[in-house]
Amino acid sequence: MLTYTDKVLGSIWKTTGTFGIGVSLIAGIYFMNMGLILPLVLLMCSFGVSISGSVINDKWMYNSGGLVMGVSLAMLYHTFNPPELNLQYLAFAVCFIVMMVIPGHRLNKAAKQDN
C-alpha cells in the first residue's frame, strides 16, 4: 500500500529523472559537449535529493543535496574554464557517495530501528 509520501517521492524522482535525461540529451546533442553531462546530472540529482529530504524531514539528505548542488555548479564552471588538473570524475563519484549512498544507509538504518 502506497502512502501519500511514497506518491510524492515517486513524482519527485520521475520528474527529476525526466529532466535529467532531457538536459543530458540537449547537452550532448545540441551543445556537442559531453563534459556538461556530469555536472548537469549531478545538479538534477541534487535537486531531487534536497526536495526529498525536505519532504521526509531529513536534514542530512537536505543538506547533502545542497552541498552537492554547490559542487555541481563549480564543476559546471570548470567545464567552461578547465583547470590544469581535472578532478571532475573524482568529484562526481564523491558527490554521489555523499548525496545518495550515505543518506540511503541512514534511511535504511532508521527504518530497521522503527520495526
PDB file of N, CA and C in Angstrom:
ATOM      1  N   MET A   1       0.828  -1.172   0.000  1.00  0.00           N
ATOM      2  CA  MET A   1       0.000   0.000   0.000  1.00  0.00           C
ATOM      3  C   MET A   1       0.882   1.248   0.000  1.00  0.00           C
ATOM      4  N   LEU A   2       0.636   2.154  -0.930  1.00  0.00           N
ATOM      5  CA  LEU A   2       1.414   3.376  -1.035  1.00  0.00           C
ATOM      6  C   LEU A   2       0.814   4.486  -0.188  1.00  0.00           C
ATOM      7  N   THR A   3       1.663   5.146   0.539  1.00  0.00           N
ATOM      8  CA  THR A   3       1.215   6.301   1.315  1.00  0.00           C
ATOM      9  C   THR A   3       1.332   7.553   0.445  1.00  0.00           C
ATOM     10  N   TYR A   4       0.816   8.641   0.960  1.00  0.00           N
ATOM     11  CA  TYR A   4       0.896   9.905   0.231  1.00  0.00           C
ATOM     12  C   TYR A   4       2.357  10.315   0.039  1.00  0.00           C
ATOM     13  N   THR A   5       3.185  10.095   1.056  1.00  0.00           N
ATOM     14  CA  THR A   5       4.605  10.437   0.958  1.00  0.00           C
ATOM     15  C   THR A   5       5.286   9.620  -0.124  1.00  0.00           C
ATOM     16  N   ASP A   6       4.944   8.326  -0.233  1.00  0.00           N
ATOM     17  CA  ASP A   6       5.503   7.479  -1.286  1.00  0.00           C
ATOM     18  C   ASP A   6       5.153   8.025  -2.668  1.00  0.00           C
ATOM     19  N   LYS A   7       3.915   8.456  -2.833  1.00  0.00           N
ATOM     20  CA  LYS A   7       3.475   9.006  -4.121  1.00  0.00           C
ATOM     21  C   LYS A   7       4.190  10.312  -4.435  1.00  0.00           C
ATOM     22  N   VAL A   8       4.363  11.161  -3.440  1.00  0.00           N
ATOM     23  CA  VAL A   8       5.059  12.431  -3.651  1.00  0.00           C
ATOM     24  C   VAL A   8       6.512  12.184  -4.032  1.00  0.00           C
ATOM     25  N   LEU A   9       7.182  11.297  -3.307  1.00  0.00           N
ATOM     26  CA  LEU A   9       8.578  10.996  -3.614  1.00  0.00           C
ATOM     27  C   LEU A   9       8.717  10.360  -4.996  1.00  0.00           C
ATOM     28  N   GLY A  10       7.785   9.497  -5.361  1.00  0.00           N
ATOM     29  CA  GLY A  10       7.796   8.911  -6.696  1.00  0.00           C
ATOM     30  C   GLY A  10       7.656   9.967  -7.777  1.00  0.00           C
ATOM     31  N   SER A  11       6.772  10.921  -7.554  1.00  0.00           N
ATOM     32  CA  SER A  11       6.588  12.004  -8.519  1.00  0.00           C
ATOM     33  C   SER A  11       7.824  12.893  -8.614  1.00  0.00           C
ATOM     34  N   ILE A  12       8.440  13.159  -7.479  1.00  0.00           N
ATOM     35  CA  ILE A  12       9.658  13.975  -7.480  1.00  0.00           C
ATOM     36  C   ILE A  12      10.733  13.312  -8.332  1.00  0.00           C
ATOM     37  N   TRP A  13      10.929  12.004  -8.133  1.00  0.00           N
ATOM     38  CA  TRP A  13      12.012  11.331  -8.849  1.00  0.00           C
ATOM     39  C   TRP A  13      11.674  11.046 -10.302  1.00  0.00           C
ATOM     40  N   LYS A  14      10.400  10.885 -10.639  1.00  0.00           N
ATOM     41  CA  LYS A  14      10.024  10.775 -12.061  1.00  0.00           C
ATOM     42  C   LYS A  14      10.331  12.077 -12.777  1.00  0.00           C
ATOM     43  N   THR A  15       9.981  13.186 -12.153  1.00  0.00           N
ATOM     44  CA  THR A  15      10.237  14.493 -12.751  1.00  0.00           C
ATOM     45  C   THR A  15      11.739  14.758 -12.838  1.00  0.00           C
ATOM     46  N   THR A  16      12.472  14.460 -11.777  1.00  0.00           N
ATOM     47  CA  THR A  16      13.915  14.657 -11.769  1.00  0.00           C
ATOM     48  C   THR A  16      14.584  13.806 -12.845  1.00  0.00           C
ATOM     49  N   GLY A  17      14.182  12.565 -12.969  1.00  0.00           N
ATOM     50  CA  GLY A  17      14.746  11.681 -13.991  1.00  0.00           C
ATOM     51  C   GLY A  17      14.446  12.149 -15.398  1.00  0.00           C
ATOM     52  N   THR A  18      13.218  12.606 -15.616  1.00  0.00           N
ATOM     53  CA  THR A  18      12.841  13.107 -16.935  1.00  0.00           C
ATOM     54  C   THR A  18      13.664  14.336 -17.305  1.00  0.00           C
ATOM     55  N   PHE A  19      13.791  15.270 -16.361  1.00  0.00           N
ATOM     56  CA  PHE A  19      14.606  16.451 -16.622  1.00  0.00           C
ATOM     57  C   PHE A  19      16.072  16.083 -16.805  1.00  0.00           C
ATOM     58  N   GLY A  20      16.578  15.138 -16.032  1.00  0.00           N
ATOM     59  CA  GLY A  20      17.970  14.711 -16.167  1.00  0.00           C
ATOM     60  C   GLY A  20      18.256  14.122 -17.538  1.00  0.00           C
ATOM     61  N   ILE A  21      17.354  13.288 -18.022  1.00  0.00           N
ATOM     62  CA  ILE A  21      17.524  12.702 -19.356  1.00  0.00           C
ATOM     63  C   ILE A  21      17.439  13.790 -20.422  1.00  0.00           C
ATOM     64  N   GLY A  22      16.457  14.679 -20.279  1.00  0.00           N
ATOM     65  CA  GLY A  22      16.291  15.750 -21.262  1.00  0.00           C
ATOM     66  C   GLY A  22      17.491  16.683 -21.312  1.00  0.00           C
ATOM     67  N   VAL A  23      17.967  17.097 -20.156  1.00  0.00           N
ATOM     68  CA  VAL A  23      19.119  18.002 -20.107  1.00  0.00           C
ATOM     69  C   VAL A  23      20.369  17.316 -20.653  1.00  0.00           C
ATOM     70  N   SER A  24      20.548  16.045 -20.350  1.00  0.00           N
ATOM     71  CA  SER A  24      21.709  15.314 -20.865  1.00  0.00           C
ATOM     72  C   SER A  24      21.662  15.197 -22.381  1.00  0.00           C
ATOM     73  N   LEU A  25      20.493  14.909 -22.909  1.00  0.00           N
ATOM     74  CA  LEU A  25      20.365  14.826 -24.367  1.00  0.00           C
ATOM     75  C   LEU A  25      20.626  16.172 -25.031  1.00  0.00           C
ATOM     76  N   ILE A  26      20.084  17.224 -24.456  1.00  0.00           N
ATOM     77  CA  ILE A  26      20.310  18.553 -25.025  1.00  0.00           C
ATOM     78  C   ILE A  26      21.791  18.924 -24.963  1.00  0.00           C
ATOM     79  N   ALA A  27      22.440  18.643 -23.821  1.00  0.00           N
ATOM     80  CA  ALA A  27      23.862  18.954 -23.671  1.00  0.00           C
ATOM     81  C   ALA A  27      24.712  18.154 -24.657  1.00  0.00           C
ATOM     82  N   GLY A  28      24.379  16.890 -24.843  1.00  0.00           N
ATOM     83  CA  GLY A  28      25.174  16.035 -25.719  1.00  0.00           C
ATOM     84  C   GLY A  28      24.942  16.284 -27.190  1.00  0.00           C
ATOM     85  N   ILE A  29      23.696  16.543 -27.566  1.00  0.00           N
ATOM     86  CA  ILE A  29      23.366  16.686 -28.984  1.00  0.00           C
ATOM     87  C   ILE A  29      23.464  18.134 -29.445  1.00  0.00           C
ATOM     88  N   TYR A  30      22.814  19.027 -28.743  1.00  0.00           N
ATOM     89  CA  TYR A  30      22.730  20.406 -29.197  1.00  0.00           C
ATOM     90  C   TYR A  30      24.045  21.160 -28.970  1.00  0.00           C
ATOM     91  N   PHE A  31      24.612  21.042 -27.772  1.00  0.00           N
ATOM     92  CA  PHE A  31      25.838  21.763 -27.469  1.00  0.00           C
ATOM     93  C   PHE A  31      27.089  20.992 -27.874  1.00  0.00           C
ATOM     94  N   MET A  32      26.935  19.704 -28.196  1.00  0.00           N
ATOM     95  CA  MET A  32      28.060  18.847 -28.574  1.00  0.00           C
ATOM     96  C   MET A  32      29.181  18.883 -27.531  1.00  0.00           C
ATOM     97  N   ASN A  33      28.776  18.927 -26.267  1.00  0.00           N
ATOM     98  CA  ASN A  33      29.747  18.996 -25.185  1.00  0.00           C
ATOM     99  C   ASN A  33      29.399  17.932 -24.158  1.00  0.00           C
ATOM    100  N   MET A  34      30.093  16.818 -24.213  1.00  0.00           N
ATOM    101  CA  MET A  34      29.820  15.727 -23.290  1.00  0.00           C
ATOM    102  C   MET A  34      30.304  16.054 -21.871  1.00  0.00           C
ATOM    103  N   GLY A  35      31.192  17.017 -21.728  1.00  0.00           N
ATOM    104  CA  GLY A  35      31.670  17.420 -20.413  1.00  0.00           C
ATOM    105  C   GLY A  35      30.598  18.087 -19.572  1.00  0.00           C
ATOM    106  N   LEU A  36      29.544  18.546 -20.215  1.00  0.00           N
ATOM    107  CA  LEU A  36      28.437  19.171 -19.490  1.00  0.00           C
ATOM    108  C   LEU A  36      27.551  18.159 -18.781  1.00  0.00           C
ATOM    109  N   ILE A  37      27.563  16.926 -19.241  1.00  0.00           N
ATOM    110  CA  ILE A  37      26.603  15.947 -18.746  1.00  0.00           C
ATOM    111  C   ILE A  37      26.812  15.631 -17.259  1.00  0.00           C
ATOM    112  N   LEU A  38      28.050  15.408 -16.831  1.00  0.00           N
ATOM    113  CA  LEU A  38      28.285  15.066 -15.421  1.00  0.00           C
ATOM    114  C   LEU A  38      27.795  16.152 -14.461  1.00  0.00           C
ATOM    115  N   PRO A  39      28.193  17.416 -14.640  1.00  0.00           N
ATOM    116  CA  PRO A  39      27.702  18.413 -13.694  1.00  0.00           C
ATOM    117  C   PRO A  39      26.197  18.640 -13.775  1.00  0.00           C
ATOM    118  N   LEU A  40      25.626  18.520 -14.959  1.00  0.00           N
ATOM    119  CA  LEU A  40      24.180  18.735 -15.083  1.00  0.00           C
ATOM    120  C   LEU A  40      23.382  17.602 -14.452  1.00  0.00           C
ATOM    121  N   VAL A  41      23.829  16.373 -14.623  1.00  0.00           N
ATOM    122  CA  VAL A  41      23.157  15.237 -13.978  1.00  0.00           C
ATOM    123  C   VAL A  41      23.294  15.352 -12.464  1.00  0.00           C
ATOM    124  N   LEU A  42      24.459  15.748 -12.010  1.00  0.00           N
ATOM    125  CA  LEU A  42      24.674  15.943 -10.582  1.00  0.00           C
ATOM    126  C   LEU A  42      23.773  17.047 -10.037  1.00  0.00           C
ATOM    127  N   LEU A  43      23.603  18.105 -10.811  1.00  0.00           N
ATOM    128  CA  LEU A  43      22.725  19.205 -10.406  1.00  0.00           C
ATOM    129  C   LEU A  43      21.271  18.732 -10.312  1.00  0.00           C
ATOM    130  N   MET A  44      20.818  17.976 -11.301  1.00  0.00           N
ATOM    131  CA  MET A  44      19.439  17.468 -11.279  1.00  0.00           C
ATOM    132  C   MET A  44      19.223  16.532 -10.089  1.00  0.00           C
ATOM    133  N   CYS A  45      20.172  15.635  -9.850  1.00  0.00           N
ATOM    134  CA  CYS A  45      20.033  14.706  -8.725  1.00  0.00           C
ATOM    135  C   CYS A  45      20.074  15.434  -7.384  1.00  0.00           C
ATOM    136  N   SER A  46      20.878  16.485  -7.297  1.00  0.00           N
ATOM    137  CA  SER A  46      20.945  17.228  -6.036  1.00  0.00           C
ATOM    138  C   SER A  46      19.626  17.942  -5.755  1.00  0.00           C
ATOM    139  N   PHE A  47      18.962  18.426  -6.807  1.00  0.00           N
ATOM    140  CA  PHE A  47      17.625  18.995  -6.613  1.00  0.00           C
ATOM    141  C   PHE A  47      16.667  17.941  -6.062  1.00  0.00           C
ATOM    142  N   GLY A  48      16.687  16.745  -6.665  1.00  0.00           N
ATOM    143  CA  GLY A  48      15.807  15.675  -6.215  1.00  0.00           C
ATOM    144  C   GLY A  48      16.071  15.255  -4.785  1.00  0.00           C
ATOM    145  N   VAL A  49      17.347  15.151  -4.418  1.00  0.00           N
ATOM    146  CA  VAL A  49      17.701  14.752  -3.056  1.00  0.00           C
ATOM    147  C   VAL A  49      17.294  15.822  -2.052  1.00  0.00           C
ATOM    148  N   SER A  50      17.538  17.081  -2.398  1.00  0.00           N
ATOM    149  CA  SER A  50      17.155  18.171  -1.483  1.00  0.00           C
ATOM    150  C   SER A  50      15.649  18.222  -1.273  1.00  0.00           C
ATOM    151  N   ILE A  51      14.895  18.094  -2.336  1.00  0.00           N
ATOM    152  CA  ILE A  51      13.436  18.124  -2.216  1.00  0.00           C
ATOM    153  C   ILE A  51      12.950  16.908  -1.432  1.00  0.00           C
ATOM    154  N   SER A  52      13.526  15.738  -1.709  1.00  0.00           N
ATOM    155  CA  SER A  52      13.139  14.532  -0.970  1.00  0.00           C
ATOM    156  C   SER A  52      13.468  14.671   0.515  1.00  0.00           C
ATOM    157  N   GLY A  53      14.631  15.216   0.824  1.00  0.00           N
ATOM    158  CA  GLY A  53      14.998  15.428   2.217  1.00  0.00           C
ATOM    159  C   GLY A  53      14.062  16.395   2.901  1.00  0.00           C
ATOM    160  N   SER A  54      13.602  17.381   2.171  1.00  0.00           N
ATOM    161  CA  SER A  54      12.646  18.331   2.731  1.00  0.00           C
ATOM    162  C   SER A  54      11.295  17.669   2.984  1.00  0.00           C
ATOM    163  N   VAL A  55      10.861  16.809   2.060  1.00  0.00           N
ATOM    164  CA  VAL A  55       9.568  16.132   2.197  1.00  0.00           C
ATOM    165  C   VAL A  55       9.567  15.181   3.388  1.00  0.00           C
ATOM    166  N   ILE A  56      10.642  14.401   3.552  1.00  0.00           N
ATOM    167  CA  ILE A  56      10.662  13.422   4.647  1.00  0.00           C
ATOM    168  C   ILE A  56      11.291  13.988   5.916  1.00  0.00           C
ATOM    169  N   ASN A  57      11.664  15.266   5.861  1.00  0.00           N
ATOM    170  CA  ASN A  57      12.213  15.976   7.025  1.00  0.00           C
ATOM    171  C   ASN A  57      13.509  15.335   7.526  1.00  0.00           C
ATOM    172  N   ASP A  58      14.413  15.068   6.589  1.00  0.00           N
ATOM    173  CA  ASP A  58      15.726  14.515   6.897  1.00  0.00           C
ATOM    174  C   ASP A  58      16.774  15.578   6.581  1.00  0.00           C
ATOM    175  N   LYS A  59      17.354  16.159   7.620  1.00  0.00           N
ATOM    176  CA  LYS A  59      18.295  17.267   7.450  1.00  0.00           C
ATOM    177  C   LYS A  59      19.562  16.847   6.711  1.00  0.00           C
ATOM    178  N   TRP A  60      20.053  15.633   6.974  1.00  0.00           N
ATOM    179  CA  TRP A  60      21.264  15.173   6.290  1.00  0.00           C
ATOM    180  C   TRP A  60      21.025  15.126   4.792  1.00  0.00           C
ATOM    181  N   MET A  61      19.916  14.567   4.389  1.00  0.00           N
ATOM    182  CA  MET A  61      19.606  14.446   2.968  1.00  0.00           C
ATOM    183  C   MET A  61      19.452  15.832   2.334  1.00  0.00           C
ATOM    184  N   TYR A  62      18.738  16.707   3.009  1.00  0.00           N
ATOM    185  CA  TYR A  62      18.520  18.059   2.506  1.00  0.00           C
ATOM    186  C   TYR A  62      19.844  18.811   2.364  1.00  0.00           C
ATOM    187  N   ASN A  63      20.682  18.743   3.393  1.00  0.00           N
ATOM    188  CA  ASN A  63      21.959  19.458   3.367  1.00  0.00           C
ATOM    189  C   ASN A  63      22.957  18.849   2.396  1.00  0.00           C
ATOM    190  N   SER A  64      22.968  17.529   2.260  1.00  0.00           N
ATOM    191  CA  SER A  64      23.895  16.911   1.308  1.00  0.00           C
ATOM    192  C   SER A  64      23.515  17.279  -0.120  1.00  0.00           C
ATOM    193  N   GLY A  65      22.221  17.373  -0.387  1.00  0.00           N
ATOM    194  CA  GLY A  65      21.788  17.826  -1.713  1.00  0.00           C
ATOM    195  C   GLY A  65      22.223  19.256  -1.987  1.00  0.00           C
ATOM    196  N   GLY A  66      22.129  20.102  -0.981  1.00  0.00           N
ATOM    197  CA  GLY A  66      22.578  21.486  -1.142  1.00  0.00           C
ATOM    198  C   GLY A  66      24.079  21.589  -1.348  1.00  0.00           C
ATOM    199  N   LEU A  67      24.848  20.795  -0.612  1.00  0.00           N
ATOM    200  CA  LEU A  67      26.303  20.780  -0.767  1.00  0.00           C
ATOM    201  C   LEU A  67      26.688  20.335  -2.169  1.00  0.00           C
ATOM    202  N   VAL A  68      26.071  19.259  -2.622  1.00  0.00           N
ATOM    203  CA  VAL A  68      26.388  18.731  -3.947  1.00  0.00           C
ATOM    204  C   VAL A  68      25.931  19.698  -5.042  1.00  0.00           C
ATOM    205  N   MET A  69      24.873  20.437  -4.774  1.00  0.00           N
ATOM    206  CA  MET A  69      24.428  21.451  -5.731  1.00  0.00           C
ATOM    207  C   MET A  69      25.539  22.483  -5.955  1.00  0.00           C
ATOM    208  N   GLY A  70      26.170  22.916  -4.877  1.00  0.00           N
ATOM    209  CA  GLY A  70      27.286  23.852  -4.993  1.00  0.00           C
ATOM    210  C   GLY A  70      28.465  23.261  -5.739  1.00  0.00           C
ATOM    211  N   VAL A  71      28.792  22.006  -5.440  1.00  0.00           N
ATOM    212  CA  VAL A  71      29.905  21.342  -6.129  1.00  0.00           C
ATOM    213  C   VAL A  71      29.590  21.184  -7.614  1.00  0.00           C
ATOM    214  N   SER A  72      28.332  20.866  -7.941  1.00  0.00           N
ATOM    215  CA  SER A  72      27.976  20.699  -9.359  1.00  0.00           C
ATOM    216  C   SER A  72      28.067  22.025 -10.110  1.00  0.00           C
ATOM    217  N   LEU A  73      27.730  23.125  -9.449  1.00  0.00           N
ATOM    218  CA  LEU A  73      27.885  24.436 -10.089  1.00  0.00           C
ATOM    219  C   LEU A  73      29.360  24.764 -10.298  1.00  0.00           C
ATOM    220  N   ALA A  74      30.209  24.389  -9.340  1.00  0.00           N
ATOM    221  CA  ALA A  74      31.657  24.579  -9.515  1.00  0.00           C
ATOM    222  C   ALA A  74      32.173  23.707 -10.663  1.00  0.00           C
ATOM    223  N   MET A  75      31.666  22.491 -10.761  1.00  0.00           N
ATOM    224  CA  MET A  75      32.059  21.618 -11.875  1.00  0.00           C
ATOM    225  C   MET A  75      31.614  22.204 -13.208  1.00  0.00           C
ATOM    226  N   LEU A  76      30.441  22.792 -13.229  1.00  0.00           N
ATOM    227  CA  LEU A  76      29.929  23.428 -14.446  1.00  0.00           C
ATOM    228  C   LEU A  76      30.835  24.594 -14.846  1.00  0.00           C
ATOM    229  N   TYR A  77      31.264  25.377 -13.863  1.00  0.00           N
ATOM    230  CA  TYR A  77      32.189  26.476 -14.138  1.00  0.00           C
ATOM    231  C   TYR A  77      33.497  25.941 -14.708  1.00  0.00           C
ATOM    232  N   HIS A  78      34.017  24.866 -14.119  1.00  0.00           N
ATOM    233  CA  HIS A  78      35.284  24.303 -14.573  1.00  0.00           C
ATOM    234  C   HIS A  78      35.159  23.610 -15.924  1.00  0.00           C
ATOM    235  N   THR A  79      33.953  23.292 -16.358  1.00  0.00           N
ATOM    236  CA  THR A  79      33.773  22.737 -17.694  1.00  0.00           C
ATOM    237  C   THR A  79      34.101  23.792 -18.743  1.00  0.00           C
ATOM    238  N   PHE A  80      33.728  25.028 -18.469  1.00  0.00           N
ATOM    239  CA  PHE A  80      33.982  26.112 -19.418  1.00  0.00           C
ATOM    240  C   PHE A  80      35.338  26.777 -19.206  1.00  0.00           C
ATOM    241  N   ASN A  81      35.905  26.658 -18.018  1.00  0.00           N
ATOM    242  CA  ASN A  81      37.228  27.205 -17.687  1.00  0.00           C
ATOM    243  C   ASN A  81      38.057  26.095 -17.060  1.00  0.00           C
ATOM    244  N   PRO A  82      38.556  25.156 -17.883  1.00  0.00           N
ATOM    245  CA  PRO A  82      39.208  23.972 -17.314  1.00  0.00           C
ATOM    246  C   PRO A  82      40.494  24.296 -16.559  1.00  0.00           C
ATOM    247  N   PRO A  83      40.623  23.717 -15.359  1.00  0.00           N
ATOM    248  CA  PRO A  83      41.878  23.884 -14.608  1.00  0.00           C
ATOM    249  C   PRO A  83      42.937  22.935 -15.160  1.00  0.00           C
ATOM    250  N   GLU A  84      44.158  23.074 -14.650  1.00  0.00           N
ATOM    251  CA  GLU A  84      45.236  22.192 -15.101  1.00  0.00           C
ATOM    252  C   GLU A  84      44.974  20.741 -14.709  1.00  0.00           C
ATOM    253  N   LEU A  85      44.460  20.541 -13.511  1.00  0.00           N
ATOM    254  CA  LEU A  85      44.173  19.198 -13.012  1.00  0.00           C
ATOM    255  C   LEU A  85      42.661  18.999 -13.010  1.00  0.00           C
ATOM    256  N   ASN A  86      42.196  18.105 -13.840  1.00  0.00           N
ATOM    257  CA  ASN A  86      40.754  17.872 -13.964  1.00  0.00           C
ATOM    258  C   ASN A  86      40.330  16.769 -12.987  1.00  0.00           C
ATOM    259  N   LEU A  87      39.599  17.160 -11.969  1.00  0.00           N
ATOM    260  CA  LEU A  87      39.125  16.210 -10.956  1.00  0.00           C
ATOM    261  C   LEU A  87      37.618  15.988 -11.062  1.00  0.00           C
ATOM    262  N   GLN A  88      37.058  16.196 -12.248  1.00  0.00           N
ATOM    263  CA  GLN A  88      35.619  16.137 -12.419  1.00  0.00           C
ATOM    264  C   GLN A  88      35.055  14.748 -12.117  1.00  0.00           C
ATOM    265  N   TYR A  89      35.722  13.705 -12.565  1.00  0.00           N
ATOM    266  CA  TYR A  89      35.216  12.347 -12.328  1.00  0.00           C
ATOM    267  C   TYR A  89      35.301  11.968 -10.845  1.00  0.00           C
ATOM    268  N   LEU A  90      36.391  12.352 -10.209  1.00  0.00           N
ATOM    269  CA  LEU A  90      36.531  12.081  -8.780  1.00  0.00           C
ATOM    270  C   LEU A  90      35.480  12.852  -7.978  1.00  0.00           C
ATOM    271  N   ALA A  91      35.271  14.120  -8.317  1.00  0.00           N
ATOM    272  CA  ALA A  91      34.253  14.929  -7.634  1.00  0.00           C
ATOM    273  C   ALA A  91      32.871  14.337  -7.840  1.00  0.00           C
ATOM    274  N   PHE A  92      32.584  13.849  -9.037  1.00  0.00           N
ATOM    275  CA  PHE A  92      31.288  13.227  -9.325  1.00  0.00           C
ATOM    276  C   PHE A  92      31.076  12.002  -8.446  1.00  0.00           C
ATOM    277  N   ALA A  93      32.103  11.154  -8.336  1.00  0.00           N
ATOM    278  CA  ALA A  93      31.985   9.925  -7.540  1.00  0.00           C
ATOM    279  C   ALA A  93      31.802  10.248  -6.056  1.00  0.00           C
ATOM    280  N   VAL A  94      32.597  11.173  -5.538  1.00  0.00           N
ATOM    281  CA  VAL A  94      32.486  11.539  -4.125  1.00  0.00           C
ATOM    282  C   VAL A  94      31.119  12.158  -3.847  1.00  0.00           C
ATOM    283  N   CYS A  95      30.663  13.011  -4.754  1.00  0.00           N
ATOM    284  CA  CYS A  95      29.355  13.652  -4.567  1.00  0.00           C
ATOM    285  C   CYS A  95      28.228  12.626  -4.548  1.00  0.00           C
ATOM    286  N   PHE A  96      28.303  11.620  -5.403  1.00  0.00           N
ATOM    287  CA  PHE A  96      27.244  10.609  -5.400  1.00  0.00           C
ATOM    288  C   PHE A  96      27.267   9.792  -4.117  1.00  0.00           C
ATOM    289  N   ILE A  97      28.450   9.536  -3.578  1.00  0.00           N
ATOM    290  CA  ILE A  97      28.523   8.822  -2.303  1.00  0.00           C
ATOM    291  C   ILE A  97      27.906   9.666  -1.195  1.00  0.00           C
ATOM    292  N   VAL A  98      28.274  10.946  -1.150  1.00  0.00           N
ATOM    293  CA  VAL A  98      27.758  11.838  -0.108  1.00  0.00           C
ATOM    294  C   VAL A  98      26.256  12.062  -0.260  1.00  0.00           C
ATOM    295  N   MET A  99      25.789  12.143  -1.500  1.00  0.00           N
ATOM    296  CA  MET A  99      24.398  12.519  -1.752  1.00  0.00           C
ATOM    297  C   MET A  99      23.446  11.322  -1.768  1.00  0.00           C
ATOM    298  N   MET A 100      23.887  10.178  -2.227  1.00  0.00           N
ATOM    299  CA  MET A 100      22.984   9.036  -2.401  1.00  0.00           C
ATOM    300  C   MET A 100      23.265   7.879  -1.450  1.00  0.00           C
ATOM    301  N   VAL A 101      24.508   7.474  -1.339  1.00  0.00           N
ATOM    302  CA  VAL A 101      24.845   6.268  -0.580  1.00  0.00           C
ATOM    303  C   VAL A 101      24.694   6.493   0.926  1.00  0.00           C
ATOM    304  N   ILE A 102      25.293   7.555   1.437  1.00  0.00           N
ATOM    305  CA  ILE A 102      25.235   7.797   2.882  1.00  0.00           C
ATOM    306  C   ILE A 102      23.801   8.048   3.357  1.00  0.00           C
ATOM    307  N   PRO A 103      23.027   8.931   2.696  1.00  0.00           N
ATOM    308  CA  PRO A 103      21.637   9.091   3.138  1.00  0.00           C
ATOM    309  C   PRO A 103      20.810   7.808   2.998  1.00  0.00           C
ATOM    310  N   GLY A 104      21.097   7.012   1.973  1.00  0.00           N
ATOM    311  CA  GLY A 104      20.384   5.740   1.817  1.00  0.00           C
ATOM    312  C   GLY A 104      20.643   4.794   2.974  1.00  0.00           C
ATOM    313  N   HIS A 105      21.899   4.705   3.386  1.00  0.00           N
ATOM    314  CA  HIS A 105      22.227   3.850   4.535  1.00  0.00           C
ATOM    315  C   HIS A 105      21.587   4.381   5.815  1.00  0.00           C
ATOM    316  N   ARG A 106      21.575   5.696   5.964  1.00  0.00           N
ATOM    317  CA  ARG A 106      20.944   6.283   7.154  1.00  0.00           C
ATOM    318  C   ARG A 106      19.444   5.996   7.181  1.00  0.00           C
ATOM    319  N   LEU A 107      18.796   6.087   6.016  1.00  0.00           N
ATOM    320  CA  LEU A 107      17.356   5.802   5.964  1.00  0.00           C
ATOM    321  C   LEU A 107      17.072   4.339   6.239  1.00  0.00           C
ATOM    322  N   ASN A 108      17.895   3.441   5.700  1.00  0.00           N
ATOM    323  CA  ASN A 108      17.716   2.008   5.975  1.00  0.00           C
ATOM    324  C   ASN A 108      17.911   1.706   7.457  1.00  0.00           C
ATOM    325  N   LYS A 109      18.902   2.321   8.068  1.00  0.00           N
ATOM    326  CA  LYS A 109      19.134   2.115   9.496  1.00  0.00           C
ATOM    327  C   LYS A 109      17.968   2.619  10.323  1.00  0.00           C
ATOM    328  N   ALA A 110      17.427   3.780   9.970  1.00  0.00           N
ATOM    329  CA  ALA A 110      16.275   4.337  10.676  1.00  0.00           C
ATOM    330  C   ALA A 110      15.040   3.453  10.494  1.00  0.00           C
ATOM    331  N   ALA A 111      14.865   2.884   9.289  1.00  0.00           N
ATOM    332  CA  ALA A 111      13.723   2.021   9.031  1.00  0.00           C
ATOM    333  C   ALA A 111      13.822   0.723   9.837  1.00  0.00           C
ATOM    334  N   LYS A 112      15.023   0.176   9.978  1.00  0.00           N
ATOM    335  CA  LYS A 112      15.210  -1.048  10.762  1.00  0.00           C
ATOM    336  C   LYS A 112      14.956  -0.798  12.244  1.00  0.00           C
ATOM    337  N   GLN A 113      15.314   0.391  12.723  1.00  0.00           N
ATOM    338  CA  GLN A 113      15.071   0.707  14.134  1.00  0.00           C
ATOM    339  C   GLN A 113      13.598   0.912  14.422  1.00  0.00           C
ATOM    340  N   ASP A 114      12.841   1.360  13.426  1.00  0.00           N
ATOM    341  CA  ASP A 114      11.404   1.557  13.616  1.00  0.00           C
ATOM    342  C   ASP A 114      10.647   0.242  13.708  1.00  0.00           C
ATOM    343  N   ASN A 115      11.191  -0.819  13.079  1.00  0.00           N
ATOM    344  CA  ASN A 115      10.495  -2.118  13.078  1.00  0.00           C
ATOM    345  C   ASN A 115      10.766  -2.896  14.290  1.00  0.00           C
TER     346      ASN A 115
END
